[in-house]
Amino acid sequence: MPRKSTHPTSTDHSSLCLQYLRRCGGSARLCTIKFSLEVIQSLVNQRKVKITNTGAGFYVQLEDVK
């Protein structure tokens, strides 16, 4: 029987996705992001990222915080 982890794990990887986008310069192609669509959708709903169509593909971009 597998052991249960004693360390809490986060099922919400939205903070990791935001870190990834910051390291990529603020935007990345949607097809290259390895995070689930639920994570990306939750960030869009929180208005932290936006999806843009550049004609050459869809990009996930960090929203400008004012």
C-alpha atoms as a PDB file:
ATOM      1  CA  MET A   1       0.000   0.000   0.000  1.00  0.00           C
ATOM      2  CA  PRO A   2       1.436   3.436  -0.915  1.00  0.00           C
ATOM      3  CA  ARG A   3       2.283   5.807   1.880  1.00  0.00           C
ATOM      4  CA  LYS A   4       0.404   9.030   2.343  1.00  0.00           C
ATOM      5  CA  SER A   5       2.451  12.188   2.167  1.00  0.00           C
ATOM      6  CA  THR A   6       2.788  14.132   5.380  1.00  0.00           C
ATOM      7  CA  HIS A   7       3.479  17.343   3.456  1.00  0.00           C
ATOM      8  CA  PRO A   8       0.486  19.333   2.223  1.00  0.00           C
ATOM      9  CA  THR A   9       0.339  19.626  -1.557  1.00  0.00           C
ATOM     10  CA  SER A  10      -1.459  22.364  -3.401  1.00  0.00           C
ATOM     11  CA  THR A  11      -3.897  21.196  -6.041  1.00  0.00           C
ATOM     12  CA  ASP A  12      -4.118  24.721  -7.378  1.00  0.00           C
ATOM     13  CA  HIS A  13      -1.062  25.398  -9.540  1.00  0.00           C
ATOM     14  CA  SER A  14      -2.085  28.928 -10.453  1.00  0.00           C
ATOM     15  CA  SER A  15       0.827  30.499  -8.579  1.00  0.00           C
ATOM     16  CA  LEU A  16       3.257  28.239 -10.444  1.00  0.00           C
ATOM     17  CA  CYS A  17       1.666  29.234 -13.737  1.00  0.00           C
ATOM     18  CA  LEU A  18       2.062  32.923 -12.864  1.00  0.00           C
ATOM     19  CA  GLN A  19       5.727  32.344 -11.994  1.00  0.00           C
ATOM     20  CA  TYR A  20       6.228  30.563 -15.315  1.00  0.00           C
ATOM     21  CA  LEU A  21       4.695  33.461 -17.233  1.00  0.00           C
ATOM     22  CA  ARG A  22       6.854  35.988 -15.374  1.00  0.00           C
ATOM     23  CA  ARG A  23       9.982  34.000 -16.271  1.00  0.00           C
ATOM     24  CA  CYS A  24       8.881  33.879 -19.916  1.00  0.00           C
ATOM     25  CA  GLY A  25       8.675  37.653 -20.105  1.00  0.00           C
ATOM     26  CA  GLY A  26       4.965  37.959 -19.412  1.00  0.00           C
ATOM     27  CA  SER A  27       3.548  35.858 -22.239  1.00  0.00           C
ATOM     28  CA  ALA A  28       3.752  32.345 -23.645  1.00  0.00           C
ATOM     29  CA  ARG A  29       2.032  30.374 -26.380  1.00  0.00           C
ATOM     30  CA  LEU A  30      -1.006  28.533 -25.101  1.00  0.00           C
ATOM     31  CA  CYS A  31       0.048  25.276 -26.774  1.00  0.00           C
ATOM     32  CA  THR A  32       3.411  25.258 -24.965  1.00  0.00           C
ATOM     33  CA  ILE A  33       2.025  25.742 -21.456  1.00  0.00           C
ATOM     34  CA  LYS A  34       1.916  22.479 -19.518  1.00  0.00           C
ATOM     35  CA  PHE A  35      -0.646  23.646 -16.976  1.00  0.00           C
ATOM     36  CA  SER A  36      -4.201  22.396 -17.124  1.00  0.00           C
ATOM     37  CA  LEU A  37      -6.943  24.397 -18.773  1.00  0.00           C
ATOM     38  CA  GLU A  38      -8.712  24.657 -15.420  1.00  0.00           C
ATOM     39  CA  VAL A  39      -5.698  26.506 -13.963  1.00  0.00           C
ATOM     40  CA  ILE A  40      -5.553  28.880 -16.922  1.00  0.00           C
ATOM     41  CA  GLN A  41      -9.321  29.434 -16.808  1.00  0.00           C
ATOM     42  CA  SER A  42      -9.194  30.258 -13.098  1.00  0.00           C
ATOM     43  CA  LEU A  43      -6.469  32.860 -13.774  1.00  0.00           C
ATOM     44  CA  VAL A  44      -8.590  34.371 -16.568  1.00  0.00           C
ATOM     45  CA  ASN A  45     -11.601  34.498 -14.228  1.00  0.00           C
ATOM     46  CA  GLN A  46      -9.474  36.263 -11.592  1.00  0.00           C
ATOM     47  CA  ARG A  47      -8.350  38.728 -14.293  1.00  0.00           C
ATOM     48  CA  LYS A  48      -4.686  37.942 -13.741  1.00  0.00           C
ATOM     49  CA  VAL A  49      -4.034  36.782 -17.318  1.00  0.00           C
ATOM     50  CA  LYS A  50      -5.662  37.275 -20.694  1.00  0.00           C
ATOM     51  CA  ILE A  51      -5.738  35.196 -23.864  1.00  0.00           C
ATOM     52  CA  THR A  52      -4.947  36.940 -27.142  1.00  0.00           C
ATOM     53  CA  ASN A  53      -5.034  35.703 -30.711  1.00  0.00           C
ATOM     54  CA  THR A  54      -2.115  37.147 -32.670  1.00  0.00           C
ATOM     55  CA  GLY A  55      -2.942  35.425 -35.928  1.00  0.00           C
ATOM     56  CA  ALA A  56       0.044  33.149 -35.398  1.00  0.00           C
ATOM     57  CA  GLY A  57      -1.503  31.420 -32.392  1.00  0.00           C
ATOM     58  CA  PHE A  58      -3.058  32.006 -29.017  1.00  0.00           C
ATOM     59  CA  TYR A  59      -0.939  33.575 -26.278  1.00  0.00           C
ATOM     60  CA  VAL A  60      -1.456  33.778 -22.541  1.00  0.00           C
ATOM     61  CA  GLN A  61      -0.347  37.186 -21.258  1.00  0.00           C
ATOM     62  CA  LEU A  62      -0.139  38.651 -17.792  1.00  0.00           C
ATOM     63  CA  GLU A  63      -2.617  41.458 -17.206  1.00  0.00           C
ATOM     64  CA  ASP A  64      -1.100  44.873 -16.535  1.00  0.00           C
ATOM     65  CA  VAL A  65      -1.728  45.772 -12.917  1.00  0.00           C
ATOM     66  CA  LYS A  66      -2.442  49.489 -12.520  1.00  0.00           C
END
